[in-house]
Amino acid sequence: MTDASGKPVSGLQESDFTLLDNHQPQQIVSFQEVEGRTAKPPVHVIFMLDDLNNSFQDFAYQRRAVEKYLDQNLEFAER
């Protein structure tokens, strides 16, 4: 996570995040803060888009938003 100027934010805790599924809060099973881009072990992020109850247009918008994010962070993106 970065601040408004693009600098990494440190010191975040699990309680700083809310995981929602169908607008319902879910338990975060695992949380670990990582320091910067040289974190060990490497961090893997998986994006999952659920298009079951979305229109084609909504899903296409969501996919483009994820692609835009990944393009801005190419060194992390493996597609």
PDB file of N, CA and C in Angstrom:
ATOM      1  N   MET A   1       0.849  -1.160   0.000  1.00  0.00           N
ATOM      2  CA  MET A   1       0.000   0.000   0.000  1.00  0.00           C
ATOM      3  C   MET A   1       0.904   1.234   0.000  1.00  0.00           C
ATOM      4  N   THR A   2       0.484   2.255  -0.719  1.00  0.00           N
ATOM      5  CA  THR A   2       1.256   3.487  -0.784  1.00  0.00           C
ATOM      6  C   THR A   2       0.410   4.672  -0.332  1.00  0.00           C
ATOM      7  N   ASP A   3       1.112   5.732   0.073  1.00  0.00           N
ATOM      8  CA  ASP A   3       0.402   6.944   0.457  1.00  0.00           C
ATOM      9  C   ASP A   3       0.115   7.785  -0.786  1.00  0.00           C
ATOM     10  N   ALA A   4      -0.422   8.973  -0.597  1.00  0.00           N
ATOM     11  CA  ALA A   4      -0.820   9.826  -1.723  1.00  0.00           C
ATOM     12  C   ALA A   4       0.357  10.212  -2.613  1.00  0.00           C
ATOM     13  N   SER A   5       1.575  10.230  -2.053  1.00  0.00           N
ATOM     14  CA  SER A   5       2.745  10.590  -2.854  1.00  0.00           C
ATOM     15  C   SER A   5       3.439   9.365  -3.448  1.00  0.00           C
ATOM     16  N   GLY A   6       2.862   8.162  -3.243  1.00  0.00           N
ATOM     17  CA  GLY A   6       3.408   6.948  -3.828  1.00  0.00           C
ATOM     18  C   GLY A   6       4.448   6.239  -2.982  1.00  0.00           C
ATOM     19  N   LYS A   7       4.669   6.714  -1.759  1.00  0.00           N
ATOM     20  CA  LYS A   7       5.643   6.079  -0.869  1.00  0.00           C
ATOM     21  C   LYS A   7       4.975   4.927  -0.116  1.00  0.00           C
ATOM     22  N   PRO A   8       5.708   3.812   0.083  1.00  0.00           N
ATOM     23  CA  PRO A   8       5.135   2.676   0.821  1.00  0.00           C
ATOM     24  C   PRO A   8       4.726   3.071   2.240  1.00  0.00           C
ATOM     25  N   VAL A   9       3.614   2.518   2.689  1.00  0.00           N
ATOM     26  CA  VAL A   9       3.124   2.748   4.046  1.00  0.00           C
ATOM     27  C   VAL A   9       3.545   1.552   4.884  1.00  0.00           C
ATOM     28  N   SER A  10       4.206   1.816   5.996  1.00  0.00           N
ATOM     29  CA  SER A  10       4.615   0.711   6.865  1.00  0.00           C
ATOM     30  C   SER A  10       3.803   0.744   8.156  1.00  0.00           C
ATOM     31  N   GLY A  11       3.900  -0.330   8.909  1.00  0.00           N
ATOM     32  CA  GLY A  11       3.235  -0.394  10.201  1.00  0.00           C
ATOM     33  C   GLY A  11       1.767  -0.751  10.153  1.00  0.00           C
ATOM     34  N   LEU A  12       1.261  -1.152   8.974  1.00  0.00           N
ATOM     35  CA  LEU A  12      -0.149  -1.539   8.894  1.00  0.00           C
ATOM     36  C   LEU A  12      -0.367  -2.862   9.604  1.00  0.00           C
ATOM     37  N   GLN A  13      -1.509  -2.999  10.218  1.00  0.00           N
ATOM     38  CA  GLN A  13      -1.873  -4.217  10.937  1.00  0.00           C
ATOM     39  C   GLN A  13      -3.073  -4.871  10.266  1.00  0.00           C
ATOM     40  N   GLU A  14      -3.321  -6.112  10.613  1.00  0.00           N
ATOM     41  CA  GLU A  14      -4.482  -6.829  10.076  1.00  0.00           C
ATOM     42  C   GLU A  14      -5.768  -6.047  10.325  1.00  0.00           C
ATOM     43  N   SER A  15      -5.848  -5.386  11.469  1.00  0.00           N
ATOM     44  CA  SER A  15      -7.065  -4.630  11.820  1.00  0.00           C
ATOM     45  C   SER A  15      -7.274  -3.397  10.936  1.00  0.00           C
ATOM     46  N   ASP A  16      -6.272  -3.035  10.113  1.00  0.00           N
ATOM     47  CA  ASP A  16      -6.412  -1.908   9.191  1.00  0.00           C
ATOM     48  C   ASP A  16      -7.135  -2.296   7.903  1.00  0.00           C
ATOM     49  N   PHE A  17      -7.456  -3.566   7.742  1.00  0.00           N
ATOM     50  CA  PHE A  17      -8.067  -4.069   6.514  1.00  0.00           C
ATOM     51  C   PHE A  17      -9.387  -4.758   6.813  1.00  0.00           C
ATOM     52  N   THR A  18     -10.279  -4.738   5.832  1.00  0.00           N
ATOM     53  CA  THR A  18     -11.541  -5.469   5.918  1.00  0.00           C
ATOM     54  C   THR A  18     -11.674  -6.298   4.654  1.00  0.00           C
ATOM     55  N   LEU A  19     -11.899  -7.578   4.812  1.00  0.00           N
ATOM     56  CA  LEU A  19     -12.109  -8.488   3.694  1.00  0.00           C
ATOM     57  C   LEU A  19     -13.608  -8.712   3.556  1.00  0.00           C
ATOM     58  N   LEU A  20     -14.151  -8.390   2.368  1.00  0.00           N
ATOM     59  CA  LEU A  20     -15.590  -8.524   2.147  1.00  0.00           C
ATOM     60  C   LEU A  20     -15.861  -9.565   1.070  1.00  0.00           C
ATOM     61  N   ASP A  21     -16.885 -10.363   1.287  1.00  0.00           N
ATOM     62  CA  ASP A  21     -17.383 -11.304   0.288  1.00  0.00           C
ATOM     63  C   ASP A  21     -18.879 -11.083   0.196  1.00  0.00           C
ATOM     64  N   ASN A  22     -19.343 -10.628  -0.971  1.00  0.00           N
ATOM     65  CA  ASN A  22     -20.756 -10.264  -1.126  1.00  0.00           C
ATOM     66  C   ASN A  22     -21.181  -9.249  -0.067  1.00  0.00           C
ATOM     67  N   HIS A  23     -20.308  -8.269   0.165  1.00  0.00           N
ATOM     68  CA  HIS A  23     -20.553  -7.182   1.113  1.00  0.00           C
ATOM     69  C   HIS A  23     -20.603  -7.651   2.562  1.00  0.00           C
ATOM     70  N   GLN A  24     -20.190  -8.899   2.831  1.00  0.00           N
ATOM     71  CA  GLN A  24     -20.189  -9.425   4.185  1.00  0.00           C
ATOM     72  C   GLN A  24     -18.749  -9.578   4.666  1.00  0.00           C
ATOM     73  N   PRO A  25     -18.419  -9.052   5.852  1.00  0.00           N
ATOM     74  CA  PRO A  25     -17.054  -9.184   6.373  1.00  0.00           C
ATOM     75  C   PRO A  25     -16.675 -10.655   6.566  1.00  0.00           C
ATOM     76  N   GLN A  26     -15.445 -10.969   6.189  1.00  0.00           N
ATOM     77  CA  GLN A  26     -14.922 -12.323   6.354  1.00  0.00           C
ATOM     78  C   GLN A  26     -13.648 -12.249   7.186  1.00  0.00           C
ATOM     79  N   GLN A  27     -13.306 -13.354   7.823  1.00  0.00           N
ATOM     80  CA  GLN A  27     -12.099 -13.414   8.637  1.00  0.00           C
ATOM     81  C   GLN A  27     -10.863 -13.434   7.731  1.00  0.00           C
ATOM     82  N   ILE A  28      -9.857 -12.662   8.086  1.00  0.00           N
ATOM     83  CA  ILE A  28      -8.567 -12.719   7.407  1.00  0.00           C
ATOM     84  C   ILE A  28      -7.801 -13.860   8.062  1.00  0.00           C
ATOM     85  N   VAL A  29      -7.484 -14.872   7.278  1.00  0.00           N
ATOM     86  CA  VAL A  29      -6.866 -16.076   7.831  1.00  0.00           C
ATOM     87  C   VAL A  29      -5.382 -15.871   8.101  1.00  0.00           C
ATOM     88  N   SER A  30      -4.721 -15.115   7.231  1.00  0.00           N
ATOM     89  CA  SER A  30      -3.288 -14.915   7.389  1.00  0.00           C
ATOM     90  C   SER A  30      -2.934 -13.487   6.992  1.00  0.00           C
ATOM     91  N   PHE A  31      -2.068 -12.864   7.785  1.00  0.00           N
ATOM     92  CA  PHE A  31      -1.631 -11.497   7.485  1.00  0.00           C
ATOM     93  C   PHE A  31      -0.176 -11.376   7.876  1.00  0.00           C
ATOM     94  N   GLN A  32       0.627 -10.791   6.960  1.00  0.00           N
ATOM     95  CA  GLN A  32       2.036 -10.578   7.259  1.00  0.00           C
ATOM     96  C   GLN A  32       2.496  -9.306   6.568  1.00  0.00           C
ATOM     97  N   GLU A  33       3.079  -8.390   7.330  1.00  0.00           N
ATOM     98  CA  GLU A  33       3.630  -7.182   6.729  1.00  0.00           C
ATOM     99  C   GLU A  33       4.943  -7.532   6.037  1.00  0.00           C
ATOM    100  N   VAL A  34       5.162  -6.934   4.869  1.00  0.00           N
ATOM    101  CA  VAL A  34       6.385  -7.161   4.109  1.00  0.00           C
ATOM    102  C   VAL A  34       7.048  -5.810   3.893  1.00  0.00           C
ATOM    103  N   GLU A  35       8.348  -5.775   3.975  1.00  0.00           N
ATOM    104  CA  GLU A  35       9.091  -4.529   3.805  1.00  0.00           C
ATOM    105  C   GLU A  35       9.547  -4.358   2.374  1.00  0.00           C
ATOM    106  N   GLY A  36       8.919  -3.463   1.645  1.00  0.00           N
ATOM    107  CA  GLY A  36       9.368  -3.060   0.319  1.00  0.00           C
ATOM    108  C   GLY A  36       9.412  -4.150  -0.726  1.00  0.00           C
ATOM    109  N   ARG A  37      10.071  -3.851  -1.841  1.00  0.00           N
ATOM    110  CA  ARG A  37      10.105  -4.746  -2.986  1.00  0.00           C
ATOM    111  C   ARG A  37      11.128  -5.864  -2.849  1.00  0.00           C
ATOM    112  N   THR A  38      11.981  -5.782  -1.852  1.00  0.00           N
ATOM    113  CA  THR A  38      13.007  -6.808  -1.674  1.00  0.00           C
ATOM    114  C   THR A  38      12.618  -7.785  -0.576  1.00  0.00           C
ATOM    115  N   ALA A  39      11.361  -7.866  -0.289  1.00  0.00           N
ATOM    116  CA  ALA A  39      10.875  -8.721   0.793  1.00  0.00           C
ATOM    117  C   ALA A  39      11.231 -10.169   0.545  1.00  0.00           C
ATOM    118  N   LYS A  40      11.602 -10.853   1.606  1.00  0.00           N
ATOM    119  CA  LYS A  40      11.870 -12.285   1.564  1.00  0.00           C
ATOM    120  C   LYS A  40      10.916 -12.943   2.537  1.00  0.00           C
ATOM    121  N   PRO A  41      10.230 -13.981   2.236  1.00  0.00           N
ATOM    122  CA  PRO A  41      10.140 -14.617   0.927  1.00  0.00           C
ATOM    123  C   PRO A  41       9.355 -13.733  -0.043  1.00  0.00           C
ATOM    124  N   PRO A  42       9.444 -14.053  -1.334  1.00  0.00           N
ATOM    125  CA  PRO A  42       8.705 -13.253  -2.309  1.00  0.00           C
ATOM    126  C   PRO A  42       7.207 -13.282  -2.024  1.00  0.00           C
ATOM    127  N   VAL A  43       6.561 -12.198  -2.343  1.00  0.00           N
ATOM    128  CA  VAL A  43       5.126 -12.093  -2.122  1.00  0.00           C
ATOM    129  C   VAL A  43       4.391 -12.468  -3.399  1.00  0.00           C
ATOM    130  N   HIS A  44       3.357 -13.266  -3.273  1.00  0.00           N
ATOM    131  CA  HIS A  44       2.526 -13.643  -4.410  1.00  0.00           C
ATOM    132  C   HIS A  44       1.119 -13.115  -4.157  1.00  0.00           C
ATOM    133  N   VAL A  45       0.593 -12.418  -5.131  1.00  0.00           N
ATOM    134  CA  VAL A  45      -0.757 -11.873  -5.021  1.00  0.00           C
ATOM    135  C   VAL A  45      -1.605 -12.508  -6.109  1.00  0.00           C
ATOM    136  N   ILE A  46      -2.774 -12.965  -5.728  1.00  0.00           N
ATOM    137  CA  ILE A  46      -3.691 -13.583  -6.682  1.00  0.00           C
ATOM    138  C   ILE A  46      -4.941 -12.719  -6.743  1.00  0.00           C
ATOM    139  N   PHE A  47      -5.292 -12.290  -7.949  1.00  0.00           N
ATOM    140  CA  PHE A  47      -6.536 -11.555  -8.153  1.00  0.00           C
ATOM    141  C   PHE A  47      -7.587 -12.540  -8.615  1.00  0.00           C
ATOM    142  N   MET A  48      -8.731 -12.498  -7.996  1.00  0.00           N
ATOM    143  CA  MET A  48      -9.832 -13.341  -8.427  1.00  0.00           C
ATOM    144  C   MET A  48     -11.023 -12.439  -8.711  1.00  0.00           C
ATOM    145  N   LEU A  49     -11.527 -12.514  -9.925  1.00  0.00           N
ATOM    146  CA  LEU A  49     -12.701 -11.738 -10.302  1.00  0.00           C
ATOM    147  C   LEU A  49     -13.878 -12.691 -10.469  1.00  0.00           C
ATOM    148  N   ASP A  50     -14.931 -12.446  -9.741  1.00  0.00           N
ATOM    149  CA  ASP A  50     -16.126 -13.279  -9.807  1.00  0.00           C
ATOM    150  C   ASP A  50     -17.134 -12.591 -10.718  1.00  0.00           C
ATOM    151  N   ASP A  51     -17.391 -13.182 -11.863  1.00  0.00           N
ATOM    152  CA  ASP A  51     -18.303 -12.545 -12.816  1.00  0.00           C
ATOM    153  C   ASP A  51     -19.698 -13.179 -12.815  1.00  0.00           C
ATOM    154  N   LEU A  52     -19.981 -14.038 -11.863  1.00  0.00           N
ATOM    155  CA  LEU A  52     -21.246 -14.767 -11.842  1.00  0.00           C
ATOM    156  C   LEU A  52     -22.454 -13.831 -11.842  1.00  0.00           C
ATOM    157  N   ASN A  53     -22.444 -12.820 -10.999  1.00  0.00           N
ATOM    158  CA  ASN A  53     -23.600 -11.926 -10.886  1.00  0.00           C
ATOM    159  C   ASN A  53     -23.319 -10.536 -11.429  1.00  0.00           C
ATOM    160  N   ASN A  54     -22.331 -10.426 -12.301  1.00  0.00           N
ATOM    161  CA  ASN A  54     -21.984  -9.136 -12.899  1.00  0.00           C
ATOM    162  C   ASN A  54     -22.319  -9.142 -14.380  1.00  0.00           C
ATOM    163  N   SER A  55     -22.582  -7.974 -14.891  1.00  0.00           N
ATOM    164  CA  SER A  55     -22.801  -7.862 -16.328  1.00  0.00           C
ATOM    165  C   SER A  55     -21.457  -7.978 -17.046  1.00  0.00           C
ATOM    166  N   PHE A  56     -21.508  -8.230 -18.342  1.00  0.00           N
ATOM    167  CA  PHE A  56     -20.292  -8.304 -19.137  1.00  0.00           C
ATOM    168  C   PHE A  56     -19.523  -6.991 -19.045  1.00  0.00           C
ATOM    169  N   GLN A  57     -20.228  -5.862 -19.080  1.00  0.00           N
ATOM    170  CA  GLN A  57     -19.586  -4.549 -19.018  1.00  0.00           C
ATOM    171  C   GLN A  57     -18.877  -4.342 -17.677  1.00  0.00           C
ATOM    172  N   ASP A  58     -19.523  -4.741 -16.570  1.00  0.00           N
ATOM    173  CA  ASP A  58     -18.895  -4.609 -15.256  1.00  0.00           C
ATOM    174  C   ASP A  58     -17.637  -5.458 -15.167  1.00  0.00           C
ATOM    175  N   PHE A  59     -17.736  -6.697 -15.649  1.00  0.00           N
ATOM    176  CA  PHE A  59     -16.583  -7.587 -15.590  1.00  0.00           C
ATOM    177  C   PHE A  59     -15.441  -7.052 -16.454  1.00  0.00           C
ATOM    178  N   ALA A  60     -15.752  -6.535 -17.639  1.00  0.00           N
ATOM    179  CA  ALA A  60     -14.726  -5.981 -18.527  1.00  0.00           C
ATOM    180  C   ALA A  60     -14.053  -4.785 -17.856  1.00  0.00           C
ATOM    181  N   TYR A  61     -14.820  -3.939 -17.173  1.00  0.00           N
ATOM    182  CA  TYR A  61     -14.252  -2.790 -16.464  1.00  0.00           C
ATOM    183  C   TYR A  61     -13.318  -3.265 -15.351  1.00  0.00           C
ATOM    184  N   GLN A  62     -13.749  -4.254 -14.581  1.00  0.00           N
ATOM    185  CA  GLN A  62     -12.927  -4.772 -13.483  1.00  0.00           C
ATOM    186  C   GLN A  62     -11.627  -5.363 -14.013  1.00  0.00           C
ATOM    187  N   ARG A  63     -11.738  -6.111 -15.105  1.00  0.00           N
ATOM    188  CA  ARG A  63     -10.537  -6.717 -15.682  1.00  0.00           C
ATOM    189  C   ARG A  63      -9.559  -5.639 -16.164  1.00  0.00           C
ATOM    190  N   ARG A  64     -10.078  -4.600 -16.821  1.00  0.00           N
ATOM    191  CA  ARG A  64      -9.202  -3.509 -17.277  1.00  0.00           C
ATOM    192  C   ARG A  64      -8.538  -2.810 -16.096  1.00  0.00           C
ATOM    193  N   ALA A  65      -9.252  -2.638 -15.008  1.00  0.00           N
ATOM    194  CA  ALA A  65      -8.686  -1.992 -13.822  1.00  0.00           C
ATOM    195  C   ALA A  65      -7.540  -2.829 -13.243  1.00  0.00           C
ATOM    196  N   VAL A  66      -7.718  -4.135 -13.192  1.00  0.00           N
ATOM    197  CA  VAL A  66      -6.649  -5.010 -12.696  1.00  0.00           C
ATOM    198  C   VAL A  66      -5.462  -4.976 -13.646  1.00  0.00           C
ATOM    199  N   GLU A  67      -5.711  -5.026 -14.954  1.00  0.00           N
ATOM    200  CA  GLU A  67      -4.621  -4.964 -15.925  1.00  0.00           C
ATOM    201  C   GLU A  67      -3.861  -3.649 -15.813  1.00  0.00           C
ATOM    202  N   LYS A  68      -4.567  -2.543 -15.607  1.00  0.00           N
ATOM    203  CA  LYS A  68      -3.925  -1.244 -15.453  1.00  0.00           C
ATOM    204  C   LYS A  68      -3.024  -1.251 -14.222  1.00  0.00           C
ATOM    205  N   TYR A  69      -3.530  -1.804 -13.130  1.00  0.00           N
ATOM    206  CA  TYR A  69      -2.726  -1.895 -11.903  1.00  0.00           C
ATOM    207  C   TYR A  69      -1.468  -2.723 -12.150  1.00  0.00           C
ATOM    208  N   LEU A  70      -1.628  -3.866 -12.793  1.00  0.00           N
ATOM    209  CA  LEU A  70      -0.471  -4.721 -13.053  1.00  0.00           C
ATOM    210  C   LEU A  70       0.521  -4.053 -13.995  1.00  0.00           C
ATOM    211  N   ASP A  71       0.037  -3.337 -14.988  1.00  0.00           N
ATOM    212  CA  ASP A  71       0.926  -2.629 -15.913  1.00  0.00           C
ATOM    213  C   ASP A  71       1.757  -1.576 -15.189  1.00  0.00           C
ATOM    214  N   GLN A  72       1.202  -0.970 -14.150  1.00  0.00           N
ATOM    215  CA  GLN A  72       1.934   0.030 -13.381  1.00  0.00           C
ATOM    216  C   GLN A  72       2.977  -0.612 -12.472  1.00  0.00           C
ATOM    217  N   ASN A  73       2.857  -1.911 -12.259  1.00  0.00           N
ATOM    218  CA  ASN A  73       3.758  -2.642 -11.366  1.00  0.00           C
ATOM    219  C   ASN A  73       4.332  -3.852 -12.101  1.00  0.00           C
ATOM    220  N   LEU A  74       4.851  -3.630 -13.314  1.00  0.00           N
ATOM    221  CA  LEU A  74       5.272  -4.718 -14.195  1.00  0.00           C
ATOM    222  C   LEU A  74       6.264  -5.676 -13.566  1.00  0.00           C
ATOM    223  N   GLU A  75       7.141  -5.191 -12.710  1.00  0.00           N
ATOM    224  CA  GLU A  75       8.131  -6.104 -12.155  1.00  0.00           C
ATOM    225  C   GLU A  75       7.488  -7.174 -11.282  1.00  0.00           C
ATOM    226  N   PHE A  76       6.260  -6.949 -10.844  1.00  0.00           N
ATOM    227  CA  PHE A  76       5.556  -7.937 -10.031  1.00  0.00           C
ATOM    228  C   PHE A  76       4.604  -8.802 -10.849  1.00  0.00           C
ATOM    229  N   ALA A  77       4.293  -8.372 -12.043  1.00  0.00           N
ATOM    230  CA  ALA A  77       3.223  -9.025 -12.805  1.00  0.00           C
ATOM    231  C   ALA A  77       3.742 -10.240 -13.563  1.00  0.00           C
ATOM    232  N   GLU A  78       3.097 -11.355 -13.335  1.00  0.00           N
ATOM    233  CA  GLU A  78       3.304 -12.554 -14.121  1.00  0.00           C
ATOM    234  C   GLU A  78       1.931 -12.990 -14.577  1.00  0.00           C
ATOM    235  N   ARG A  79       1.678 -12.886 -15.854  1.00  0.00           N
ATOM    236  CA  ARG A  79       0.335 -13.224 -16.347  1.00  0.00           C
ATOM    237  C   ARG A  79       0.382 -14.522 -17.107  1.00  0.00           C
TER     238      ARG A  79
END
